[in-house]
Amino acid sequence: MMVEHGEQSATVVQEDGGLMARVCHGDIDALGALYERYQVQVYRTAMAITHDERMAEDILQEVFLRVYRYADSFDDTQPFEPWIYRITVNLSYSWTNKAKRWVNIFQDTLERLRAPSRRDPERVAESREECVILRRAIDGLPDSHRVVVILYYLEDLSVSEVAYTLGVPEGTIKSRLYYAREKLRKAIADQEKGLLSEVVYDFT
């Protein structure tokens, strides 16, 4: 459904626009089609931010309730995907601000990048250590930078889509990504003295 950096095909964008036009007229089937298309991304993003399965499930349901409730406010000149991410991010951070919780967003991503062989126990132990170090580095990022990292690296949105989702200029997104990468490099280097140089390279 998504190509590199979240740039959707014109067909998908057009289909989403058509579905939203139907949702505006109360078409529940159209809402269901959007749910089937985006439920995984919405749930994954909510989980990345809240680190709570039940809350992520609740957010998933609430996101699509809001899509239905506020369908008239959707700007049909823009793609649907960044709009639903904006709803998801706002709801997720609304909860974390109340709950005072921080998140682990890269465990699955790191495992995909560095998935060790089950026959290599030393590599398994090393990968687990890397996960811990990376989690600590992510936990040290400011909230505004963390969400940019989530959308850009985990959800594979482009800089322009992240900017639209968060309602800030593209230059701000680029600056936050640069800041986040530098903070991650420094934190990882301080904790492991270059052990994760390959993982750090993957962030560039």
N, C-alpha and C. Protein backbone atom coordinates (compact mmCIF):
# COMPACT_ATOMS: atom_id res chain seq x y z
N MET A 1 0.82 -1.20 0.00
CA MET A 1 0.00 0.00 0.00
C MET A 1 0.85 1.25 0.00
N MET A 2 1.97 1.23 0.74
CA MET A 2 2.84 2.40 0.78
C MET A 2 4.14 2.09 0.07
N VAL A 3 4.63 3.04 -0.70
CA VAL A 3 5.92 2.87 -1.32
C VAL A 3 6.92 3.63 -0.50
N GLU A 4 8.16 3.72 -0.99
CA GLU A 4 9.24 4.30 -0.19
C GLU A 4 8.85 5.67 0.35
N HIS A 5 9.15 5.86 1.68
CA HIS A 5 8.87 7.10 2.40
C HIS A 5 7.41 7.50 2.33
N GLY A 6 6.53 6.49 2.26
CA GLY A 6 5.11 6.78 2.40
C GLY A 6 4.46 7.45 1.21
N GLU A 7 5.14 7.54 0.07
CA GLU A 7 4.55 8.20 -1.09
C GLU A 7 3.57 7.23 -1.76
N GLN A 8 2.30 7.44 -1.52
CA GLN A 8 1.28 6.54 -2.05
C GLN A 8 1.12 6.72 -3.55
N SER A 9 0.63 5.67 -4.17
CA SER A 9 0.33 5.76 -5.59
C SER A 9 -0.89 6.65 -5.79
N ALA A 10 -0.97 7.24 -6.98
CA ALA A 10 -2.11 8.11 -7.30
C ALA A 10 -3.42 7.33 -7.19
N THR A 11 -3.37 6.04 -7.51
CA THR A 11 -4.58 5.22 -7.45
C THR A 11 -5.10 5.11 -6.03
N VAL A 12 -4.19 4.85 -5.07
CA VAL A 12 -4.59 4.71 -3.67
C VAL A 12 -5.14 6.04 -3.15
N VAL A 13 -4.46 7.13 -3.46
CA VAL A 13 -4.92 8.45 -3.02
C VAL A 13 -6.31 8.73 -3.56
N GLN A 14 -6.52 8.40 -4.82
CA GLN A 14 -7.83 8.63 -5.45
C GLN A 14 -8.90 7.74 -4.80
N GLU A 15 -8.54 6.49 -4.55
CA GLU A 15 -9.49 5.58 -3.91
C GLU A 15 -9.86 6.08 -2.52
N ASP A 16 -8.86 6.52 -1.75
CA ASP A 16 -9.13 7.05 -0.41
C ASP A 16 -10.06 8.25 -0.48
N GLY A 17 -9.80 9.14 -1.43
CA GLY A 17 -10.65 10.32 -1.59
C GLY A 17 -12.08 9.95 -1.90
N GLY A 18 -12.24 8.95 -2.75
CA GLY A 18 -13.59 8.49 -3.09
C GLY A 18 -14.29 7.88 -1.90
N LEU A 19 -13.55 7.11 -1.11
CA LEU A 19 -14.14 6.51 0.08
C LEU A 19 -14.55 7.57 1.09
N MET A 20 -13.69 8.59 1.27
CA MET A 20 -14.03 9.66 2.20
C MET A 20 -15.25 10.45 1.74
N ALA A 21 -15.40 10.62 0.43
CA ALA A 21 -16.58 11.30 -0.08
C ALA A 21 -17.84 10.51 0.28
N ARG A 22 -17.74 9.21 0.22
CA ARG A 22 -18.88 8.37 0.60
C ARG A 22 -19.12 8.41 2.11
N VAL A 23 -18.02 8.43 2.89
CA VAL A 23 -18.17 8.52 4.35
C VAL A 23 -18.90 9.81 4.73
N CYS A 24 -18.60 10.89 4.02
CA CYS A 24 -19.27 12.18 4.28
C CYS A 24 -20.78 12.07 4.13
N HIS A 25 -21.23 11.10 3.33
CA HIS A 25 -22.66 10.90 3.13
C HIS A 25 -23.19 9.75 3.98
N GLY A 26 -22.39 9.36 4.99
CA GLY A 26 -22.86 8.36 5.94
C GLY A 26 -22.69 6.92 5.52
N ASP A 27 -21.82 6.67 4.53
CA ASP A 27 -21.62 5.32 4.03
C ASP A 27 -20.69 4.54 4.98
N ILE A 28 -21.26 3.64 5.77
CA ILE A 28 -20.48 2.85 6.73
C ILE A 28 -19.57 1.85 6.03
N ASP A 29 -20.01 1.35 4.89
CA ASP A 29 -19.18 0.40 4.15
C ASP A 29 -17.87 1.06 3.69
N ALA A 30 -17.96 2.32 3.31
CA ALA A 30 -16.75 3.04 2.90
C ALA A 30 -15.81 3.22 4.08
N LEU A 31 -16.39 3.50 5.25
CA LEU A 31 -15.57 3.61 6.46
C LEU A 31 -14.90 2.27 6.76
N GLY A 32 -15.64 1.20 6.57
CA GLY A 32 -15.08 -0.14 6.78
C GLY A 32 -13.93 -0.43 5.84
N ALA A 33 -14.03 0.04 4.61
CA ALA A 33 -12.95 -0.17 3.65
C ALA A 33 -11.69 0.58 4.08
N LEU A 34 -11.87 1.80 4.59
CA LEU A 34 -10.72 2.56 5.09
C LEU A 34 -10.13 1.90 6.33
N TYR A 35 -11.00 1.34 7.15
CA TYR A 35 -10.54 0.63 8.35
C TYR A 35 -9.68 -0.56 7.96
N GLU A 36 -10.13 -1.33 7.00
CA GLU A 36 -9.35 -2.49 6.56
C GLU A 36 -8.00 -2.08 5.98
N ARG A 37 -7.97 -0.94 5.33
CA ARG A 37 -6.74 -0.48 4.68
C ARG A 37 -5.73 0.07 5.68
N TYR A 38 -6.21 0.74 6.75
CA TYR A 38 -5.30 1.49 7.62
C TYR A 38 -5.26 1.00 9.07
N GLN A 39 -5.99 -0.02 9.42
CA GLN A 39 -6.04 -0.44 10.82
C GLN A 39 -4.68 -0.84 11.36
N VAL A 40 -3.88 -1.53 10.55
CA VAL A 40 -2.58 -1.99 11.02
C VAL A 40 -1.67 -0.80 11.32
N GLN A 41 -1.63 0.17 10.40
CA GLN A 41 -0.77 1.34 10.60
C GLN A 41 -1.20 2.15 11.81
N VAL A 42 -2.51 2.33 11.97
CA VAL A 42 -3.02 3.11 13.10
C VAL A 42 -2.69 2.41 14.41
N TYR A 43 -2.95 1.12 14.48
CA TYR A 43 -2.68 0.38 15.71
C TYR A 43 -1.18 0.38 16.02
N ARG A 44 -0.36 0.16 15.01
CA ARG A 44 1.10 0.11 15.21
C ARG A 44 1.62 1.46 15.71
N THR A 45 1.10 2.54 15.16
CA THR A 45 1.53 3.87 15.60
C THR A 45 1.09 4.13 17.03
N ALA A 46 -0.15 3.78 17.35
CA ALA A 46 -0.65 3.97 18.71
C ALA A 46 0.14 3.14 19.71
N MET A 47 0.49 1.90 19.33
CA MET A 47 1.30 1.06 20.20
C MET A 47 2.68 1.64 20.40
N ALA A 48 3.26 2.19 19.34
CA ALA A 48 4.60 2.77 19.43
C ALA A 48 4.63 3.94 20.40
N ILE A 49 3.54 4.69 20.45
CA ILE A 49 3.49 5.87 21.30
C ILE A 49 3.07 5.51 22.73
N THR A 50 2.05 4.67 22.87
CA THR A 50 1.51 4.39 24.21
C THR A 50 2.18 3.21 24.89
N HIS A 51 2.71 2.28 24.10
CA HIS A 51 3.30 1.05 24.64
C HIS A 51 2.29 0.30 25.51
N ASP A 52 1.03 0.34 25.10
CA ASP A 52 -0.04 -0.28 25.86
C ASP A 52 -1.05 -0.88 24.88
N GLU A 53 -1.17 -2.19 24.88
CA GLU A 53 -2.00 -2.87 23.89
C GLU A 53 -3.47 -2.47 23.98
N ARG A 54 -4.00 -2.44 25.19
CA ARG A 54 -5.41 -2.09 25.34
C ARG A 54 -5.68 -0.66 24.90
N MET A 55 -4.79 0.24 25.28
CA MET A 55 -4.99 1.62 24.87
C MET A 55 -4.87 1.77 23.36
N ALA A 56 -3.93 1.05 22.75
CA ALA A 56 -3.77 1.10 21.30
C ALA A 56 -5.04 0.61 20.60
N GLU A 57 -5.65 -0.43 21.16
CA GLU A 57 -6.90 -0.93 20.59
C GLU A 57 -8.02 0.10 20.72
N ASP A 58 -8.07 0.76 21.89
CA ASP A 58 -9.08 1.81 22.08
C ASP A 58 -8.86 2.98 21.13
N ILE A 59 -7.59 3.35 20.97
CA ILE A 59 -7.26 4.45 20.07
C ILE A 59 -7.64 4.10 18.64
N LEU A 60 -7.38 2.85 18.25
CA LEU A 60 -7.74 2.41 16.90
C LEU A 60 -9.23 2.63 16.65
N GLN A 61 -10.06 2.23 17.60
CA GLN A 61 -11.50 2.41 17.43
C GLN A 61 -11.88 3.89 17.42
N GLU A 62 -11.27 4.65 18.32
CA GLU A 62 -11.60 6.07 18.42
C GLU A 62 -11.17 6.83 17.17
N VAL A 63 -10.04 6.45 16.59
CA VAL A 63 -9.57 7.12 15.38
C VAL A 63 -10.62 7.03 14.28
N PHE A 64 -11.17 5.85 14.09
CA PHE A 64 -12.13 5.69 12.99
C PHE A 64 -13.50 6.27 13.35
N LEU A 65 -13.81 6.34 14.63
CA LEU A 65 -15.01 7.07 15.02
C LEU A 65 -14.86 8.55 14.66
N ARG A 66 -13.66 9.07 14.87
CA ARG A 66 -13.41 10.48 14.54
C ARG A 66 -13.36 10.71 13.03
N VAL A 67 -12.84 9.73 12.31
CA VAL A 67 -12.86 9.83 10.85
C VAL A 67 -14.30 9.98 10.37
N TYR A 68 -15.18 9.19 10.95
CA TYR A 68 -16.60 9.26 10.57
C TYR A 68 -17.24 10.56 11.04
N ARG A 69 -16.95 10.93 12.29
CA ARG A 69 -17.58 12.11 12.90
C ARG A 69 -17.14 13.40 12.22
N TYR A 70 -15.86 13.46 11.85
CA TYR A 70 -15.31 14.69 11.29
C TYR A 70 -14.98 14.57 9.80
N ALA A 71 -15.67 13.68 9.12
CA ALA A 71 -15.42 13.47 7.69
C ALA A 71 -15.57 14.76 6.89
N ASP A 72 -16.49 15.61 7.30
CA ASP A 72 -16.73 16.87 6.58
C ASP A 72 -15.53 17.81 6.65
N SER A 73 -14.67 17.63 7.66
CA SER A 73 -13.53 18.52 7.82
C SER A 73 -12.31 18.03 7.03
N PHE A 74 -12.41 16.87 6.41
CA PHE A 74 -11.29 16.33 5.63
C PHE A 74 -11.06 17.17 4.39
N ASP A 75 -9.82 17.57 4.17
CA ASP A 75 -9.44 18.37 3.00
C ASP A 75 -9.19 17.42 1.83
N ASP A 76 -10.13 17.37 0.90
CA ASP A 76 -10.01 16.40 -0.19
C ASP A 76 -8.94 16.76 -1.22
N THR A 77 -8.24 17.88 -1.00
CA THR A 77 -7.10 18.20 -1.87
C THR A 77 -5.82 17.57 -1.33
N GLN A 78 -5.89 16.97 -0.13
CA GLN A 78 -4.74 16.34 0.49
C GLN A 78 -4.95 14.82 0.58
N PRO A 79 -3.87 14.04 0.64
CA PRO A 79 -4.02 12.59 0.83
C PRO A 79 -4.65 12.27 2.17
N PHE A 80 -5.34 11.15 2.24
CA PHE A 80 -6.02 10.73 3.46
C PHE A 80 -5.02 10.25 4.52
N GLU A 81 -3.97 9.58 4.09
CA GLU A 81 -3.05 8.92 5.03
C GLU A 81 -2.45 9.86 6.07
N PRO A 82 -1.86 11.00 5.69
CA PRO A 82 -1.33 11.89 6.73
C PRO A 82 -2.41 12.41 7.68
N TRP A 83 -3.62 12.58 7.18
CA TRP A 83 -4.72 13.06 8.02
C TRP A 83 -5.05 12.05 9.11
N ILE A 84 -5.08 10.78 8.76
CA ILE A 84 -5.42 9.78 9.78
C ILE A 84 -4.25 9.59 10.74
N TYR A 85 -3.03 9.79 10.27
CA TYR A 85 -1.89 9.75 11.19
C TYR A 85 -1.97 10.92 12.17
N ARG A 86 -2.40 12.06 11.70
CA ARG A 86 -2.52 13.22 12.60
C ARG A 86 -3.51 12.91 13.72
N ILE A 87 -4.66 12.33 13.37
CA ILE A 87 -5.65 11.95 14.37
C ILE A 87 -5.05 10.95 15.35
N THR A 88 -4.35 9.96 14.81
CA THR A 88 -3.76 8.91 15.65
C THR A 88 -2.73 9.48 16.62
N VAL A 89 -1.85 10.31 16.12
CA VAL A 89 -0.80 10.89 16.95
C VAL A 89 -1.41 11.76 18.04
N ASN A 90 -2.37 12.59 17.68
CA ASN A 90 -2.98 13.48 18.67
C ASN A 90 -3.67 12.69 19.79
N LEU A 91 -4.40 11.66 19.42
CA LEU A 91 -5.08 10.84 20.43
C LEU A 91 -4.07 10.11 21.30
N SER A 92 -3.04 9.57 20.68
CA SER A 92 -2.05 8.78 21.42
C SER A 92 -1.28 9.64 22.42
N TYR A 93 -0.85 10.82 21.99
CA TYR A 93 -0.11 11.68 22.89
C TYR A 93 -1.00 12.33 23.94
N SER A 94 -2.27 12.48 23.62
CA SER A 94 -3.22 12.98 24.61
C SER A 94 -3.25 12.02 25.80
N TRP A 95 -3.21 10.72 25.50
CA TRP A 95 -3.22 9.72 26.58
C TRP A 95 -1.90 9.68 27.31
N THR A 96 -0.79 9.70 26.60
CA THR A 96 0.50 9.59 27.27
C THR A 96 0.78 10.80 28.14
N ASN A 97 0.30 11.97 27.75
CA ASN A 97 0.49 13.15 28.59
C ASN A 97 -0.24 13.00 29.92
N LYS A 98 -1.39 12.35 29.89
CA LYS A 98 -2.15 12.13 31.13
C LYS A 98 -1.54 10.99 31.94
N ALA A 99 -1.09 9.96 31.26
CA ALA A 99 -0.59 8.77 31.95
C ALA A 99 0.86 8.89 32.39
N LYS A 100 1.59 9.88 31.84
CA LYS A 100 2.99 10.09 32.18
C LYS A 100 3.84 8.87 31.84
N ARG A 101 3.59 8.31 30.66
CA ARG A 101 4.35 7.14 30.24
C ARG A 101 5.21 7.48 29.04
N TRP A 102 6.31 6.74 28.94
CA TRP A 102 7.19 6.87 27.77
C TRP A 102 7.17 5.55 27.02
N VAL A 103 7.74 5.55 25.84
CA VAL A 103 7.50 4.44 24.94
C VAL A 103 8.77 3.79 24.43
N ASN A 104 8.58 2.57 23.98
CA ASN A 104 9.62 1.85 23.25
C ASN A 104 9.11 1.69 21.83
N ILE A 105 9.79 2.31 20.84
CA ILE A 105 9.24 2.29 19.49
C ILE A 105 10.04 1.46 18.49
N PHE A 106 11.25 1.04 18.88
CA PHE A 106 12.09 0.45 17.85
C PHE A 106 12.44 -1.03 18.05
N GLN A 107 11.81 -1.70 19.01
CA GLN A 107 12.19 -3.08 19.24
C GLN A 107 11.92 -3.94 18.00
N ASP A 108 10.70 -3.82 17.46
CA ASP A 108 10.37 -4.61 16.27
C ASP A 108 11.23 -4.21 15.08
N THR A 109 11.44 -2.88 14.94
CA THR A 109 12.24 -2.40 13.82
C THR A 109 13.67 -2.92 13.92
N LEU A 110 14.23 -2.86 15.11
CA LEU A 110 15.60 -3.33 15.30
C LEU A 110 15.70 -4.82 15.03
N GLU A 111 14.70 -5.57 15.47
CA GLU A 111 14.72 -7.00 15.23
C GLU A 111 14.68 -7.31 13.74
N ARG A 112 13.93 -6.49 12.98
CA ARG A 112 13.90 -6.70 11.53
C ARG A 112 15.25 -6.37 10.90
N LEU A 113 15.90 -5.31 11.43
CA LEU A 113 17.19 -4.90 10.88
C LEU A 113 18.30 -5.87 11.21
N ARG A 114 18.23 -6.39 12.44
CA ARG A 114 19.35 -7.18 12.92
C ARG A 114 18.91 -8.56 13.39
N ALA A 115 17.91 -9.16 12.73
CA ALA A 115 17.37 -10.44 13.19
C ALA A 115 18.46 -11.51 13.21
N PRO A 116 18.81 -12.02 14.39
CA PRO A 116 19.88 -13.01 14.49
C PRO A 116 19.39 -14.42 14.21
N SER A 117 20.30 -15.30 13.89
CA SER A 117 19.97 -16.70 13.70
C SER A 117 19.71 -17.34 15.05
N ARG A 118 18.70 -18.21 15.11
CA ARG A 118 18.41 -18.91 16.36
C ARG A 118 19.56 -19.84 16.74
N ARG A 119 20.39 -20.18 15.79
CA ARG A 119 21.51 -21.08 16.07
C ARG A 119 22.74 -20.32 16.55
N ASP A 120 22.62 -19.02 16.73
CA ASP A 120 23.75 -18.20 17.12
C ASP A 120 23.42 -17.50 18.44
N PRO A 121 23.60 -18.18 19.58
CA PRO A 121 23.22 -17.59 20.87
C PRO A 121 23.98 -16.32 21.20
N GLU A 122 25.23 -16.21 20.76
CA GLU A 122 25.99 -14.99 21.01
C GLU A 122 25.37 -13.81 20.28
N ARG A 123 24.92 -14.07 19.03
CA ARG A 123 24.29 -12.99 18.25
C ARG A 123 22.95 -12.60 18.86
N VAL A 124 22.21 -13.60 19.41
CA VAL A 124 20.94 -13.31 20.07
C VAL A 124 21.17 -12.39 21.26
N ALA A 125 22.16 -12.72 22.09
CA ALA A 125 22.46 -11.91 23.26
C ALA A 125 22.88 -10.51 22.87
N GLU A 126 23.69 -10.41 21.81
CA GLU A 126 24.14 -9.10 21.35
C GLU A 126 22.97 -8.27 20.84
N SER A 127 22.05 -8.91 20.10
CA SER A 127 20.90 -8.19 19.57
C SER A 127 20.02 -7.67 20.70
N ARG A 128 19.84 -8.49 21.74
CA ARG A 128 19.03 -8.05 22.88
C ARG A 128 19.67 -6.86 23.57
N GLU A 129 20.99 -6.90 23.69
CA GLU A 129 21.69 -5.77 24.31
C GLU A 129 21.52 -4.51 23.48
N GLU A 130 21.56 -4.67 22.16
CA GLU A 130 21.37 -3.53 21.28
C GLU A 130 19.97 -2.95 21.43
N CYS A 131 18.98 -3.83 21.59
CA CYS A 131 17.60 -3.36 21.78
C CYS A 131 17.50 -2.49 23.03
N VAL A 132 18.13 -2.95 24.10
CA VAL A 132 18.08 -2.20 25.36
C VAL A 132 18.74 -0.84 25.20
N ILE A 133 19.91 -0.82 24.57
CA ILE A 133 20.63 0.43 24.37
C ILE A 133 19.83 1.39 23.50
N LEU A 134 19.24 0.86 22.43
CA LEU A 134 18.47 1.71 21.53
C LEU A 134 17.22 2.25 22.20
N ARG A 135 16.56 1.40 23.02
CA ARG A 135 15.39 1.86 23.76
C ARG A 135 15.74 3.02 24.68
N ARG A 136 16.86 2.87 25.37
CA ARG A 136 17.28 3.93 26.28
C ARG A 136 17.56 5.23 25.52
N ALA A 137 18.18 5.09 24.36
CA ALA A 137 18.46 6.28 23.55
C ALA A 137 17.18 6.95 23.10
N ILE A 138 16.20 6.15 22.64
CA ILE A 138 14.92 6.70 22.20
C ILE A 138 14.18 7.36 23.37
N ASP A 139 14.26 6.72 24.55
CA ASP A 139 13.58 7.28 25.72
C ASP A 139 14.13 8.64 26.10
N GLY A 140 15.35 8.93 25.69
CA GLY A 140 15.96 10.20 26.02
C GLY A 140 15.61 11.33 25.07
N LEU A 141 14.89 11.02 23.99
CA LEU A 141 14.51 12.06 23.02
C LEU A 141 13.34 12.88 23.54
N PRO A 142 13.32 14.18 23.23
CA PRO A 142 12.15 15.00 23.57
C PRO A 142 10.91 14.46 22.84
N ASP A 143 9.76 14.69 23.43
CA ASP A 143 8.51 14.17 22.88
C ASP A 143 8.31 14.60 21.43
N SER A 144 8.59 15.86 21.12
CA SER A 144 8.35 16.36 19.77
C SER A 144 9.26 15.71 18.74
N HIS A 145 10.44 15.27 19.16
CA HIS A 145 11.36 14.59 18.25
C HIS A 145 11.02 13.10 18.14
N ARG A 146 10.53 12.55 19.24
CA ARG A 146 10.18 11.13 19.25
C ARG A 146 9.09 10.83 18.22
N VAL A 147 8.05 11.69 18.18
CA VAL A 147 6.94 11.43 17.25
C VAL A 147 7.40 11.55 15.81
N VAL A 148 8.33 12.46 15.53
CA VAL A 148 8.86 12.59 14.18
C VAL A 148 9.60 11.31 13.79
N VAL A 149 10.37 10.77 14.70
CA VAL A 149 11.10 9.52 14.45
C VAL A 149 10.12 8.38 14.20
N ILE A 150 9.05 8.33 14.97
CA ILE A 150 8.03 7.29 14.79
C ILE A 150 7.46 7.33 13.38
N LEU A 151 7.03 8.51 12.97
CA LEU A 151 6.36 8.63 11.67
C LEU A 151 7.32 8.43 10.51
N TYR A 152 8.54 8.93 10.64
CA TYR A 152 9.49 8.87 9.53
C TYR A 152 10.13 7.49 9.40
N TYR A 153 10.59 6.92 10.51
CA TYR A 153 11.29 5.64 10.45
C TYR A 153 10.37 4.44 10.59
N LEU A 154 9.44 4.49 11.54
CA LEU A 154 8.57 3.34 11.77
C LEU A 154 7.45 3.25 10.75
N GLU A 155 6.82 4.39 10.47
CA GLU A 155 5.69 4.39 9.54
C GLU A 155 6.08 4.76 8.12
N ASP A 156 7.35 5.14 7.90
CA ASP A 156 7.88 5.35 6.56
C ASP A 156 7.19 6.49 5.81
N LEU A 157 6.75 7.52 6.53
CA LEU A 157 6.20 8.69 5.87
C LEU A 157 7.34 9.58 5.35
N SER A 158 7.05 10.35 4.33
CA SER A 158 8.04 11.30 3.82
C SER A 158 8.10 12.51 4.75
N VAL A 159 9.13 13.34 4.56
CA VAL A 159 9.26 14.56 5.36
C VAL A 159 8.02 15.44 5.19
N SER A 160 7.57 15.59 3.95
CA SER A 160 6.40 16.44 3.69
C SER A 160 5.15 15.88 4.35
N GLU A 161 5.00 14.57 4.37
CA GLU A 161 3.83 13.95 5.00
C GLU A 161 3.88 14.08 6.52
N VAL A 162 5.08 13.94 7.09
CA VAL A 162 5.22 14.15 8.53
C VAL A 162 4.88 15.60 8.89
N ALA A 163 5.37 16.52 8.06
CA ALA A 163 5.10 17.95 8.30
C ALA A 163 3.60 18.22 8.27
N TYR A 164 2.91 17.65 7.29
CA TYR A 164 1.46 17.84 7.19
C TYR A 164 0.75 17.20 8.39
N THR A 165 1.20 16.01 8.77
CA THR A 165 0.58 15.30 9.88
C THR A 165 0.67 16.09 11.17
N LEU A 166 1.84 16.70 11.42
CA LEU A 166 2.06 17.42 12.67
C LEU A 166 1.74 18.90 12.57
N GLY A 167 1.50 19.38 11.35
CA GLY A 167 1.16 20.78 11.18
C GLY A 167 2.31 21.74 11.42
N VAL A 168 3.51 21.31 11.04
CA VAL A 168 4.70 22.15 11.19
C VAL A 168 5.44 22.20 9.85
N PRO A 169 6.33 23.19 9.64
CA PRO A 169 7.06 23.28 8.38
C PRO A 169 8.00 22.10 8.15
N GLU A 170 8.26 21.80 6.87
CA GLU A 170 9.16 20.71 6.54
C GLU A 170 10.56 20.94 7.12
N GLY A 171 11.00 22.20 7.13
CA GLY A 171 12.31 22.51 7.69
C GLY A 171 12.40 22.11 9.15
N THR A 172 11.30 22.26 9.87
CA THR A 172 11.27 21.87 11.29
C THR A 172 11.41 20.36 11.43
N ILE A 173 10.74 19.62 10.54
CA ILE A 173 10.84 18.17 10.57
C ILE A 173 12.27 17.72 10.29
N LYS A 174 12.91 18.31 9.28
CA LYS A 174 14.29 17.96 8.95
C LYS A 174 15.21 18.26 10.12
N SER A 175 14.98 19.39 10.77
CA SER A 175 15.79 19.77 11.92
C SER A 175 15.63 18.77 13.06
N ARG A 176 14.38 18.36 13.31
CA ARG A 176 14.13 17.41 14.39
C ARG A 176 14.73 16.04 14.08
N LEU A 177 14.65 15.62 12.83
CA LEU A 177 15.27 14.35 12.45
C LEU A 177 16.78 14.40 12.64
N TYR A 178 17.39 15.50 12.25
CA TYR A 178 18.83 15.67 12.41
C TYR A 178 19.19 15.62 13.89
N TYR A 179 18.45 16.37 14.69
CA TYR A 179 18.70 16.41 16.13
C TYR A 179 18.55 15.00 16.72
N ALA A 180 17.48 14.30 16.34
CA ALA A 180 17.24 12.97 16.89
C ALA A 180 18.36 12.01 16.52
N ARG A 181 18.82 12.05 15.27
CA ARG A 181 19.91 11.16 14.85
C ARG A 181 21.18 11.45 15.63
N GLU A 182 21.49 12.74 15.82
CA GLU A 182 22.69 13.09 16.56
C GLU A 182 22.60 12.63 18.02
N LYS A 183 21.43 12.80 18.61
CA LYS A 183 21.24 12.36 19.99
C LYS A 183 21.36 10.85 20.10
N LEU A 184 20.81 10.13 19.13
CA LEU A 184 20.88 8.68 19.15
C LEU A 184 22.32 8.21 18.98
N ARG A 185 23.04 8.82 18.04
CA ARG A 185 24.45 8.45 17.85
C ARG A 185 25.26 8.64 19.13
N LYS A 186 25.07 9.79 19.76
CA LYS A 186 25.84 10.10 20.96
C LYS A 186 25.48 9.17 22.10
N ALA A 187 24.17 8.94 22.28
CA ALA A 187 23.73 8.08 23.37
C ALA A 187 24.23 6.65 23.19
N ILE A 188 24.14 6.16 21.97
CA ILE A 188 24.59 4.80 21.69
C ILE A 188 26.10 4.69 21.84
N ALA A 189 26.81 5.68 21.33
CA ALA A 189 28.27 5.66 21.44
C ALA A 189 28.71 5.72 22.90
N ASP A 190 28.02 6.53 23.69
CA ASP A 190 28.37 6.65 25.12
C ASP A 190 28.13 5.35 25.86
N GLN A 191 27.07 4.64 25.51
CA GLN A 191 26.72 3.41 26.23
C GLN A 191 27.49 2.18 25.74
N GLU A 192 27.77 2.15 24.46
CA GLU A 192 28.35 0.92 23.91
C GLU A 192 29.66 1.13 23.16
N LYS A 193 30.15 2.33 23.04
CA LYS A 193 31.44 2.64 22.45
C LYS A 193 31.63 2.01 21.07
N GLY A 194 30.65 2.27 20.24
CA GLY A 194 30.78 1.84 18.85
C GLY A 194 30.26 0.47 18.52
N LEU A 195 29.73 -0.28 19.51
CA LEU A 195 29.25 -1.63 19.23
C LEU A 195 28.13 -1.63 18.20
N LEU A 196 27.30 -0.54 18.21
CA LEU A 196 26.15 -0.49 17.32
C LEU A 196 26.41 0.38 16.10
N SER A 197 27.63 0.46 15.64
CA SER A 197 27.93 1.35 14.52
C SER A 197 27.11 1.00 13.28
N GLU A 198 26.86 -0.26 13.08
CA GLU A 198 26.06 -0.66 11.91
C GLU A 198 24.63 -0.19 12.04
N VAL A 199 24.05 -0.30 13.26
CA VAL A 199 22.68 0.14 13.49
C VAL A 199 22.59 1.65 13.34
N VAL A 200 23.57 2.37 13.87
CA VAL A 200 23.57 3.82 13.74
C VAL A 200 23.61 4.21 12.29
N TYR A 201 24.40 3.51 11.48
CA TYR A 201 24.49 3.83 10.06
C TYR A 201 23.14 3.71 9.39
N ASP A 202 22.32 2.75 9.85
CA ASP A 202 21.00 2.55 9.26
C ASP A 202 20.06 3.72 9.52
N PHE A 203 20.39 4.58 10.46
CA PHE A 203 19.54 5.73 10.74
C PHE A 203 19.85 6.91 9.84
N THR A 204 20.93 6.85 9.08
CA THR A 204 21.34 8.00 8.27
C THR A 204 20.64 7.96 6.92
